[in-house]
Amino acid sequence: MTVLAHRTDTLTRDALAVLQPGFEGTTAPDWLLRQVGEGLTAVGLFGRNITSPEQLAALTAQLRTERDDVLVAIDEEGGDVTRLEVRGGSSFPGNLALGAVDDTDLTRGVARELGRRLAECGVNLNWAPSADVNSNPDNPVIGVRSFGADTHLAARHTAAYVQGLQAAGVAACTKHFPGHGDTSVDSHHALPRIDVDLDTLQARELVPFKAAIEAGTKAVMSAHILVPALDPTRPATLSPQILTGLLRGELGYEGLIVTDGMEMHAIAGTYGIERGSVLAIAAGADAICVGGGLADEATVLRLRDALVAAVREGALPEERLADAAARVRALAAWTRRARPDAQPEGSRASGIGLTAARRAVLVTGSTKPLTAPYVATLAPVANIAVGDETPWGLAVELAELLPGTEAGVFPEGSGAGDVLAAAGDRTVVAVVRDAHRHPWMAEALDALVAARPDTVVVEMGLPRTEPRGALYIATHGASRVCGRAAAEILAGA
């Protein structure tokens, strides 16, 4: 082989190694297996790829026939954001519920059990936890995905989550650096901007990431956000000042840096995914996450070729691409060596997710059991990270405990009159998600309580308003177990 051919082959393999693409279907397509065989080191899974634990285990085993150390990544936060249980709702509460309990041993145990389930299915990299401090309650994309608005609470639970997940042999990917909590824009749709000074960033946003690094997080995910105090021109994912200067230099982080999804509009709509991917690697990122919306071989080849061309043209140093690829392979090697710590006796059957959800519930008002109520779910449009396909609420869980319960879903634009007409003379259980962010929802709740003082209100998002109704329940999340915990209270269980 000539020197030029060898260099080309090395560049191509390194370019493939830094990609984390997705795909369609519940088995690995031929093109994906071919690319894994040619150097692709990581694959991202989404809800569309999963139907059951058994199917997922077969899929990951299929991928490992081509490469036994392949990184299989997933966005499994638990709570509202689940891929493992996308069709039924998560068996675990999310970060806000864990933060509301504020028991780091519980958080560590929940993350460990979640990691165990992922590891049993062959998943070895989890794009979680969210270390964002939810300092802006109107944030449309973080909310219950954060442990809370208190910096130090978020820090201690981020560290506990990382420890628990990695004790199960699954690499944690702490996100969204340098902090997505103080935004009012969803980066899936546009480029958010955080206008705070360096002192605020150091005292608030960066503290949980420092805790994650100290806890040994194997990966950190960058955010597609503009932080002028750190870099006035480029979002964090594309910023050498933020990824190399701050994260690597000032914070001393040596692990893998993964980008958030490059097809998100904050990057794709401004830079394009090819140029954005080159800029991200040049800035200090090691792995390019793509595949939430773009999931075909053509995308993989486009990005591979863009990275190789950038090296040849001098836009991307060859040693930077080689370093990024080496970090990806190092994490892949760690996952192959990783052995879960000894499992505490009886922990698998402990129902830790439901236990945590029960402890997170906050109740205000009378808790007398109901009889055959009407559950009215006032449903906002879900953000893309959560997705519309995952069920939420408590109608199913309550109907199991209270036979005769009826239910209806009321989308944006619905009012109290619509609910009352459907409910008849039944007691109304109004279920909401982030009522403080949706004026139509708040207006409907006020009118319901005025017309029916015995109305029960269950807030399954961020509880920000004064308690309404004869009974007010805040679950701090909308996962299946959060719904079950609220249903038990309403049924007097």
Protein backbone atom coordinates (compact mmCIF):
# COMPACT_ATOMS: atom_id res chain seq x y z
CA MET A 1 0.00 0.00 0.00
CA THR A 2 1.38 3.44 -0.89
CA VAL A 3 1.83 6.09 1.81
CA LEU A 4 -0.95 8.20 0.24
CA ALA A 5 -3.37 5.25 0.15
CA HIS A 6 -2.56 4.39 3.77
CA ARG A 7 -3.12 8.00 4.84
CA THR A 8 -6.43 8.09 2.97
CA ASP A 9 -7.56 4.87 4.64
CA THR A 10 -6.57 6.21 8.07
CA LEU A 11 -8.40 9.50 7.48
CA THR A 12 -11.51 7.68 6.33
CA ARG A 13 -11.55 5.38 9.36
CA ASP A 14 -10.96 8.29 11.73
CA ALA A 15 -13.74 10.28 10.09
CA LEU A 16 -16.13 7.34 10.49
CA ALA A 17 -15.02 6.79 14.08
CA VAL A 18 -16.19 10.23 15.21
CA LEU A 19 -19.74 9.84 13.90
CA GLN A 20 -22.72 8.67 16.00
CA PRO A 21 -25.46 8.14 13.39
CA GLY A 22 -28.96 6.75 13.70
CA PHE A 23 -30.95 4.51 11.38
CA GLU A 24 -34.49 3.40 10.65
CA GLY A 25 -35.94 0.08 11.73
CA THR A 26 -35.61 -2.44 14.54
CA THR A 27 -32.80 -4.43 12.97
CA ALA A 28 -29.49 -3.06 11.71
CA PRO A 29 -29.63 -2.36 7.95
CA ASP A 30 -26.90 -3.74 5.72
CA TRP A 31 -25.41 -0.31 5.12
CA LEU A 32 -24.95 0.28 8.84
CA LEU A 33 -23.26 -3.07 9.41
CA ARG A 34 -21.00 -2.34 6.45
CA GLN A 35 -19.97 1.05 7.86
CA VAL A 36 -19.34 -0.45 11.32
CA GLY A 37 -17.07 -2.97 9.64
CA GLU A 38 -15.24 -0.13 7.87
CA GLY A 39 -14.58 1.93 11.00
CA LEU A 40 -17.81 3.38 12.37
CA THR A 41 -17.40 3.08 16.14
CA ALA A 42 -20.73 4.32 17.50
CA VAL A 43 -24.43 4.06 16.69
CA GLY A 44 -27.30 6.08 18.17
CA LEU A 45 -30.64 4.50 19.01
CA PHE A 46 -34.02 6.24 19.18
CA GLY A 47 -37.56 5.23 20.05
CA ARG A 48 -38.20 4.13 16.49
CA ASN A 49 -35.56 1.41 16.88
CA ILE A 50 -37.00 -0.24 20.00
CA THR A 51 -40.03 -2.47 20.58
CA SER A 52 -38.95 -4.59 23.57
CA PRO A 53 -35.90 -5.41 25.71
CA GLU A 54 -35.52 -8.71 23.86
CA GLN A 55 -35.60 -7.04 20.45
CA LEU A 56 -33.13 -4.39 21.61
CA ALA A 57 -30.72 -7.03 22.93
CA ALA A 58 -30.89 -8.84 19.58
CA LEU A 59 -30.22 -5.57 17.74
CA THR A 60 -27.14 -4.69 19.79
CA ALA A 61 -25.85 -8.26 19.43
CA GLN A 62 -26.27 -7.91 15.65
CA LEU A 63 -24.15 -4.73 15.68
CA ARG A 64 -21.44 -6.47 17.69
CA THR A 65 -21.04 -9.17 15.09
CA GLU A 66 -19.23 -6.48 13.10
CA ARG A 67 -17.38 -4.80 15.98
CA ASP A 68 -17.39 -6.17 19.52
CA ASP A 69 -16.59 -2.81 21.12
CA VAL A 70 -19.11 -0.70 19.21
CA LEU A 71 -20.61 2.12 21.26
CA VAL A 72 -24.38 1.83 21.32
CA ALA A 73 -25.78 5.15 22.53
CA ILE A 74 -29.28 6.11 23.62
CA ASP A 75 -31.10 9.15 24.99
CA GLU A 76 -32.57 7.46 28.08
CA GLU A 77 -33.01 10.08 30.78
CA GLY A 78 -35.88 8.28 32.45
CA GLY A 79 -38.91 10.35 33.37
CA ASP A 80 -40.42 12.23 30.45
CA VAL A 81 -37.56 11.41 28.06
CA THR A 82 -37.46 7.67 27.48
CA ARG A 83 -36.52 5.57 24.50
CA LEU A 84 -36.37 2.21 26.28
CA GLU A 85 -40.07 2.50 27.23
CA VAL A 86 -41.21 4.95 24.58
CA ARG A 87 -44.57 3.24 24.02
CA GLY A 88 -45.63 2.74 27.63
CA GLY A 89 -43.89 5.44 29.64
CA SER A 90 -40.88 5.17 31.89
CA SER A 91 -40.59 2.98 34.98
CA PHE A 92 -38.47 5.73 36.52
CA PRO A 93 -39.18 9.32 37.52
CA GLY A 94 -37.07 12.00 35.89
CA ASN A 95 -34.57 14.44 37.30
CA LEU A 96 -36.99 16.99 38.75
CA ALA A 97 -38.72 14.31 40.84
CA LEU A 98 -35.36 13.06 42.11
CA GLY A 99 -34.32 16.61 42.92
CA ALA A 100 -37.61 17.18 44.79
CA VAL A 101 -36.87 14.18 47.02
CA ASP A 102 -33.24 15.31 47.38
CA ASP A 103 -31.84 11.96 48.44
CA THR A 104 -28.60 11.36 46.54
CA ASP A 105 -28.57 7.68 47.50
CA LEU A 106 -31.98 7.35 45.84
CA THR A 107 -30.77 9.17 42.72
CA ARG A 108 -27.71 6.94 42.58
CA GLY A 109 -29.89 3.85 42.96
CA VAL A 110 -32.35 4.92 40.26
CA ALA A 111 -29.52 5.64 37.81
CA ARG A 112 -27.88 2.33 38.64
CA GLU A 113 -31.05 0.34 38.03
CA LEU A 114 -31.69 2.25 34.80
CA GLY A 115 -28.11 1.52 33.76
CA ARG A 116 -28.52 -2.16 34.59
CA ARG A 117 -31.52 -2.41 32.28
CA LEU A 118 -29.62 -0.64 29.50
CA ALA A 119 -26.58 -2.87 29.95
CA GLU A 120 -28.72 -6.01 29.82
CA CYS A 121 -29.96 -4.82 26.42
CA GLY A 122 -26.42 -4.15 25.17
CA VAL A 123 -26.52 -0.34 25.43
CA ASN A 124 -23.26 1.07 26.81
CA LEU A 125 -23.47 4.87 26.37
CA ASN A 126 -26.35 6.94 27.73
CA TRP A 127 -26.79 10.56 26.64
CA ALA A 128 -27.72 11.49 30.23
CA PRO A 129 -27.94 13.05 32.77
CA SER A 130 -29.04 16.61 32.17
CA ALA A 131 -26.90 18.79 34.44
CA ASP A 132 -28.71 21.98 33.43
CA VAL A 133 -29.80 24.30 36.24
CA ASN A 134 -33.39 25.20 35.39
CA SER A 135 -33.00 28.85 36.35
CA ASN A 136 -35.57 30.00 33.77
CA PRO A 137 -38.97 28.45 34.63
CA ASP A 138 -40.24 29.34 31.15
CA ASN A 139 -37.56 27.18 29.53
CA PRO A 140 -39.41 25.23 26.81
CA VAL A 141 -36.98 22.31 26.48
CA ILE A 142 -35.41 21.58 29.90
CA GLY A 143 -37.99 21.95 32.71
CA VAL A 144 -38.53 18.59 34.45
CA ARG A 145 -35.39 17.23 32.77
CA SER A 146 -33.38 19.31 35.27
CA PHE A 147 -32.85 18.33 38.89
CA GLY A 148 -34.04 21.84 39.78
CA ALA A 149 -33.27 25.54 39.97
CA ASP A 150 -30.82 25.21 42.87
CA THR A 151 -27.25 25.00 41.58
CA HIS A 152 -25.81 22.89 44.36
CA LEU A 153 -28.77 20.51 44.42
CA ALA A 154 -28.33 19.99 40.67
CA ALA A 155 -24.60 19.42 41.20
CA ARG A 156 -24.89 16.74 43.88
CA HIS A 157 -27.58 14.83 42.01
CA THR A 158 -25.70 15.05 38.71
CA ALA A 159 -22.68 13.48 40.41
CA ALA A 160 -24.84 10.77 42.03
CA TYR A 161 -26.50 9.96 38.71
CA VAL A 162 -23.15 9.64 36.94
CA GLN A 163 -21.86 7.35 39.68
CA GLY A 164 -24.96 5.15 39.61
CA LEU A 165 -25.10 4.82 35.84
CA GLN A 166 -21.41 4.01 35.47
CA ALA A 167 -21.55 1.53 38.36
CA ALA A 168 -23.78 -0.48 36.01
CA GLY A 169 -21.09 -0.42 33.32
CA VAL A 170 -22.82 2.21 31.16
CA ALA A 171 -20.95 5.41 30.27
CA ALA A 172 -22.69 8.63 31.31
CA CYS A 173 -22.83 11.61 28.94
CA THR A 174 -23.50 14.72 31.03
CA LYS A 175 -25.35 17.45 29.13
CA HIS A 176 -25.85 20.19 27.86
CA PHE A 177 -22.53 22.02 28.35
CA PRO A 178 -22.10 24.80 29.38
CA GLY A 179 -25.73 24.77 30.60
CA HIS A 180 -29.09 25.02 28.81
CA GLY A 181 -31.24 26.00 31.79
CA ASP A 182 -31.47 29.76 31.31
CA THR A 183 -32.88 29.69 27.79
CA SER A 184 -36.29 30.65 26.44
CA VAL A 185 -35.77 29.02 23.02
CA ASP A 186 -35.64 25.31 22.10
CA SER A 187 -32.42 24.62 20.18
CA HIS A 188 -34.28 22.05 18.11
CA HIS A 189 -35.95 25.02 16.42
CA ALA A 190 -33.57 28.00 16.74
CA LEU A 191 -30.33 29.17 18.36
CA PRO A 192 -30.85 30.03 22.06
CA ARG A 193 -28.79 32.75 23.72
CA ILE A 194 -27.75 33.12 27.36
CA ASP A 195 -26.84 36.69 28.28
CA VAL A 196 -25.22 36.40 31.70
CA ASP A 197 -21.76 37.41 32.89
CA LEU A 198 -18.83 35.11 33.61
CA ASP A 199 -19.33 35.27 37.36
CA THR A 200 -22.90 34.01 37.00
CA LEU A 201 -21.81 31.21 34.69
CA GLN A 202 -19.10 30.13 37.11
CA ALA A 203 -21.41 30.24 40.11
CA ARG A 204 -24.45 28.66 38.46
CA GLU A 205 -24.20 26.85 35.10
CA LEU A 206 -20.74 25.32 35.46
CA VAL A 207 -21.03 23.94 38.99
CA PRO A 208 -22.95 20.74 38.09
CA PHE A 209 -20.52 20.03 35.23
CA LYS A 210 -17.57 20.37 37.60
CA ALA A 211 -19.32 17.88 39.89
CA ALA A 212 -19.86 15.48 36.98
CA ILE A 213 -16.20 15.70 35.98
CA GLU A 214 -15.13 15.02 39.57
CA ALA A 215 -17.51 12.04 39.60
CA GLY A 216 -15.73 10.66 36.52
CA THR A 217 -18.29 11.18 33.77
CA LYS A 218 -17.03 9.41 30.66
CA ALA A 219 -18.63 11.88 28.24
CA VAL A 220 -19.99 15.42 28.11
CA MET A 221 -22.48 16.66 25.52
CA SER A 222 -22.22 20.20 24.16
CA ALA A 223 -25.18 22.53 23.79
CA HIS A 224 -26.19 24.43 20.67
CA ILE A 225 -26.43 27.71 22.58
CA LEU A 226 -24.78 31.10 22.18
CA VAL A 227 -23.10 32.37 25.35
CA PRO A 228 -21.58 35.77 24.48
CA ALA A 229 -19.63 35.97 27.76
CA LEU A 230 -17.67 32.93 26.57
CA ASP A 231 -17.82 33.31 22.78
CA PRO A 232 -19.77 36.15 21.14
CA THR A 233 -19.91 34.58 17.68
CA ARG A 234 -20.21 30.79 17.80
CA PRO A 235 -22.52 28.43 19.72
CA ALA A 236 -20.86 26.20 22.31
CA THR A 237 -20.77 23.14 20.03
CA LEU A 238 -18.63 25.05 17.51
CA SER A 239 -16.59 27.16 19.92
CA PRO A 240 -12.87 26.46 20.60
CA GLN A 241 -13.06 28.89 23.54
CA ILE A 242 -15.81 26.83 25.17
CA LEU A 243 -14.87 23.25 24.31
CA THR A 244 -11.08 23.45 24.30
CA GLY A 245 -10.41 26.55 26.37
CA LEU A 246 -13.05 26.13 29.08
CA LEU A 247 -14.00 22.46 29.21
CA ARG A 248 -10.60 20.95 28.43
CA GLY A 249 -8.35 23.71 29.73
CA GLU A 250 -9.99 25.41 32.69
CA LEU A 251 -12.09 22.49 33.93
CA GLY A 252 -9.47 19.85 33.10
CA TYR A 253 -11.87 17.43 31.42
CA GLU A 254 -10.15 14.59 29.54
CA GLY A 255 -13.08 12.39 28.45
CA LEU A 256 -15.20 12.29 25.31
CA ILE A 257 -16.97 15.43 24.09
CA VAL A 258 -20.14 14.62 22.13
CA THR A 259 -22.22 17.16 20.23
CA ASP A 260 -25.95 17.45 20.59
CA GLY A 261 -27.84 16.43 17.44
CA MET A 262 -26.28 18.26 14.49
CA GLU A 263 -29.51 18.20 12.50
CA MET A 264 -31.13 20.46 15.11
CA HIS A 265 -32.02 23.80 13.54
CA ALA A 266 -29.63 25.77 15.77
CA ILE A 267 -26.77 24.23 13.77
CA ALA A 268 -28.27 22.81 10.56
CA GLY A 269 -30.24 25.96 9.83
CA THR A 270 -27.25 28.25 10.30
CA TYR A 271 -24.12 26.33 9.35
CA GLY A 272 -25.37 23.15 7.69
CA ILE A 273 -24.48 19.75 9.13
CA GLU A 274 -21.35 19.20 7.02
CA ARG A 275 -19.71 22.53 7.85
CA GLY A 276 -21.06 22.36 11.38
CA SER A 277 -19.51 18.94 11.91
CA VAL A 278 -16.11 20.11 10.68
CA LEU A 279 -16.25 23.20 12.91
CA ALA A 280 -17.30 21.10 15.91
CA ILE A 281 -14.37 18.69 15.58
CA ALA A 282 -11.99 21.60 15.01
CA ALA A 283 -13.37 23.31 18.13
CA GLY A 284 -12.63 20.27 20.30
CA ALA A 285 -15.63 17.94 19.99
CA ASP A 286 -14.77 14.26 19.54
CA ALA A 287 -18.06 12.74 18.40
CA ILE A 288 -20.80 14.01 16.10
CA CYS A 289 -24.32 13.01 17.10
CA VAL A 290 -26.60 12.82 14.09
CA GLY A 291 -29.54 10.62 13.30
CA GLY A 292 -32.55 11.87 15.20
CA GLY A 293 -34.00 13.06 11.91
CA LEU A 294 -31.31 12.11 9.37
CA ALA A 295 -30.85 8.36 9.45
CA ASP A 296 -29.38 6.97 6.24
CA GLU A 297 -26.09 5.94 4.70
CA ALA A 298 -25.97 9.03 2.49
CA THR A 299 -25.77 11.26 5.60
CA VAL A 300 -22.94 9.18 7.06
CA LEU A 301 -20.97 9.32 3.83
CA ARG A 302 -21.56 13.06 3.42
CA LEU A 303 -20.20 13.75 6.90
CA ARG A 304 -17.30 11.33 6.50
CA ASP A 305 -16.28 12.93 3.21
CA ALA A 306 -16.69 16.46 4.58
CA LEU A 307 -14.27 15.68 7.44
CA VAL A 308 -11.72 14.04 5.13
CA ALA A 309 -11.93 16.95 2.68
CA ALA A 310 -11.49 19.46 5.50
CA VAL A 311 -8.24 17.75 6.54
CA ARG A 312 -6.94 17.72 3.00
CA GLU A 313 -7.82 21.37 2.50
CA GLY A 314 -6.22 22.45 5.76
CA ALA A 315 -9.48 23.50 7.44
CA LEU A 316 -9.20 20.73 10.04
CA PRO A 317 -5.84 19.63 11.46
CA GLU A 318 -5.24 15.95 10.83
CA GLU A 319 -3.99 15.47 14.39
CA ARG A 320 -7.24 16.93 15.78
CA LEU A 321 -9.32 14.39 13.86
CA ALA A 322 -6.96 11.60 14.95
CA ASP A 323 -7.20 12.73 18.59
CA ALA A 324 -11.01 12.80 18.41
CA ALA A 325 -11.13 9.30 16.91
CA ALA A 326 -8.71 8.03 19.57
CA ARG A 327 -10.97 9.34 22.35
CA VAL A 328 -13.97 7.58 20.81
CA ARG A 329 -12.03 4.31 20.60
CA ALA A 330 -10.78 4.73 24.16
CA LEU A 331 -14.34 5.00 25.45
CA ALA A 332 -15.34 1.99 23.36
CA ALA A 333 -12.48 0.06 24.95
CA TRP A 334 -13.62 1.14 28.44
CA THR A 335 -17.13 -0.15 27.85
CA ARG A 336 -15.73 -3.54 26.82
CA ARG A 337 -13.64 -3.72 30.01
CA ALA A 338 -16.28 -2.24 32.33
CA ARG A 339 -17.80 -4.64 34.81
CA PRO A 340 -20.88 -3.65 36.80
CA ASP A 341 -20.32 -3.31 40.54
CA ALA A 342 -21.97 -5.92 42.73
CA GLN A 343 -25.75 -5.43 42.78
CA PRO A 344 -27.25 -4.82 46.24
CA GLU A 345 -29.26 -7.78 47.49
CA GLY A 346 -32.87 -7.66 46.33
CA SER A 347 -32.47 -4.35 44.46
CA ARG A 348 -33.83 -5.68 41.17
CA ALA A 349 -37.22 -6.41 42.75
CA SER A 350 -37.33 -3.31 44.90
CA GLY A 351 -39.41 -1.18 42.50
CA ILE A 352 -37.07 1.72 43.08
CA GLY A 353 -38.62 3.81 40.30
CA LEU A 354 -42.11 3.74 41.79
CA THR A 355 -40.70 4.26 45.27
CA ALA A 356 -38.91 7.39 44.06
CA ALA A 357 -42.03 8.67 42.27
CA ARG A 358 -44.13 8.22 45.42
CA ARG A 359 -41.61 10.14 47.50
CA ALA A 360 -41.57 13.00 44.98
CA VAL A 361 -45.32 13.72 45.11
CA LEU A 362 -46.38 16.97 46.79
CA VAL A 363 -50.00 17.12 47.98
CA THR A 364 -51.99 20.21 49.00
CA GLY A 365 -55.59 19.93 50.20
CA SER A 366 -58.00 17.12 51.07
CA THR A 367 -57.08 13.59 50.01
CA LYS A 368 -60.37 11.76 50.40
CA PRO A 369 -60.73 8.92 47.83
CA LEU A 370 -62.69 9.62 44.66
CA THR A 371 -65.42 7.54 43.05
CA ALA A 372 -65.50 7.12 39.24
CA PRO A 373 -64.07 10.58 38.39
CA TYR A 374 -63.54 12.17 34.99
CA VAL A 375 -59.86 12.65 34.09
CA ALA A 376 -59.39 15.64 31.78
CA THR A 377 -55.86 15.86 30.37
CA LEU A 378 -55.08 19.37 29.10
CA ALA A 379 -52.37 18.48 26.62
CA PRO A 380 -49.77 20.94 25.34
CA VAL A 381 -47.58 20.14 22.34
CA ALA A 382 -44.57 18.16 23.60
CA ASN A 383 -41.06 19.34 22.81
CA ILE A 384 -39.04 17.20 20.42
CA ALA A 385 -36.77 15.78 23.12
CA VAL A 386 -39.81 14.34 24.93
CA GLY A 387 -41.75 13.43 21.79
CA ASP A 388 -45.47 13.03 21.21
CA GLU A 389 -45.34 9.23 21.01
CA THR A 390 -44.71 8.61 24.71
CA PRO A 391 -47.97 8.45 26.71
CA TRP A 392 -48.30 10.55 29.84
CA GLY A 393 -50.89 11.39 32.45
CA LEU A 394 -52.72 9.20 34.96
CA ALA A 395 -55.99 8.19 33.29
CA VAL A 396 -54.90 4.59 32.65
CA GLU A 397 -53.38 4.17 36.09
CA LEU A 398 -56.41 5.66 37.85
CA ALA A 399 -58.84 3.52 35.87
CA GLU A 400 -56.98 0.42 37.09
CA LEU A 401 -57.53 1.51 40.68
CA LEU A 402 -60.98 3.09 40.28
CA PRO A 403 -63.19 1.13 37.85
CA GLY A 404 -65.67 3.39 36.14
CA THR A 405 -63.20 6.25 35.67
CA GLU A 406 -63.69 8.04 32.36
CA ALA A 407 -61.21 10.25 30.56
CA GLY A 408 -60.63 12.68 27.72
CA VAL A 409 -57.75 14.61 26.17
CA PHE A 410 -58.17 18.33 25.51
CA PRO A 411 -55.64 20.03 23.19
CA GLU A 412 -54.61 23.67 23.07
CA GLY A 413 -57.63 25.92 22.58
CA SER A 414 -59.89 23.83 24.78
CA GLY A 415 -61.68 25.50 27.68
CA ALA A 416 -63.46 24.69 30.89
CA GLY A 417 -66.78 24.40 29.05
CA ASP A 418 -65.43 21.56 26.92
CA VAL A 419 -64.27 19.67 30.00
CA LEU A 420 -67.49 20.21 31.95
CA ALA A 421 -69.62 19.10 29.03
CA ALA A 422 -67.67 15.86 28.80
CA ALA A 423 -67.49 15.26 32.56
CA GLY A 424 -71.17 15.65 33.34
CA ASP A 425 -71.70 15.37 37.10
CA ARG A 426 -68.46 13.48 37.77
CA THR A 427 -65.67 14.98 39.84
CA VAL A 428 -63.09 16.46 37.47
CA VAL A 429 -59.42 15.52 37.76
CA ALA A 430 -57.63 18.08 35.59
CA VAL A 431 -54.17 16.88 34.56
CA VAL A 432 -51.74 19.49 33.23
CA ARG A 433 -48.12 19.86 32.23
CA ASP A 434 -46.37 23.22 32.84
CA ALA A 435 -49.59 25.17 33.31
CA HIS A 436 -47.57 28.32 34.03
CA ARG A 437 -46.22 28.31 30.43
CA HIS A 438 -49.61 27.92 28.72
CA PRO A 439 -52.13 30.73 29.25
CA TRP A 440 -54.99 28.71 27.73
CA MET A 441 -54.36 25.95 30.24
CA ALA A 442 -54.19 28.29 33.24
CA GLU A 443 -57.40 30.00 32.13
CA ALA A 444 -59.18 26.65 31.79
CA LEU A 445 -58.05 25.58 35.26
CA ASP A 446 -59.26 28.80 36.88
CA ALA A 447 -62.65 28.49 35.19
CA LEU A 448 -62.95 24.82 36.18
CA VAL A 449 -62.20 25.51 39.82
CA ALA A 450 -64.64 28.44 39.84
CA ALA A 451 -67.41 26.30 38.36
CA ARG A 452 -66.57 23.14 40.32
CA PRO A 453 -64.75 23.85 43.61
CA ASP A 454 -64.25 20.10 44.11
CA THR A 455 -62.00 19.93 41.02
CA VAL A 456 -58.72 18.09 41.55
CA VAL A 457 -55.63 19.47 39.78
CA VAL A 458 -52.61 17.29 39.03
CA GLU A 459 -49.55 19.17 37.74
CA MET A 460 -47.16 16.78 35.99
CA GLY A 461 -44.72 19.40 34.78
CA LEU A 462 -42.91 22.17 36.62
CA PRO A 463 -45.11 23.35 39.52
CA ARG A 464 -44.92 27.15 39.39
CA THR A 465 -48.40 28.45 40.15
CA GLU A 466 -50.33 28.60 43.42
CA PRO A 467 -52.14 25.31 44.19
CA ARG A 468 -55.61 25.21 42.62
CA GLY A 469 -58.66 23.11 43.41
CA ALA A 470 -59.88 21.13 46.39
CA LEU A 471 -56.82 18.93 45.97
CA TYR A 472 -53.58 19.84 44.20
CA ILE A 473 -50.95 17.21 43.41
CA ALA A 474 -47.52 18.00 41.97
CA THR A 475 -45.74 14.90 40.64
CA HIS A 476 -42.61 16.69 39.31
CA GLY A 477 -42.75 14.70 36.08
CA ALA A 478 -45.06 12.88 33.71
CA SER A 479 -43.59 9.38 33.51
CA ARG A 480 -45.77 6.32 34.01
CA VAL A 481 -44.66 5.83 37.62
CA CYS A 482 -45.38 9.49 38.41
CA GLY A 483 -48.91 8.94 37.11
CA ARG A 484 -49.21 5.80 39.20
CA ALA A 485 -48.08 7.59 42.36
CA ALA A 486 -50.72 10.33 41.86
CA ALA A 487 -53.41 7.76 41.03
CA GLU A 488 -52.73 5.93 44.28
CA ILE A 489 -53.36 9.09 46.24
CA LEU A 490 -56.61 9.80 44.41
CA ALA A 491 -57.80 6.24 44.95
CA GLY A 492 -56.85 6.23 48.60
CA ALA A 493 -54.43 3.35 47.99
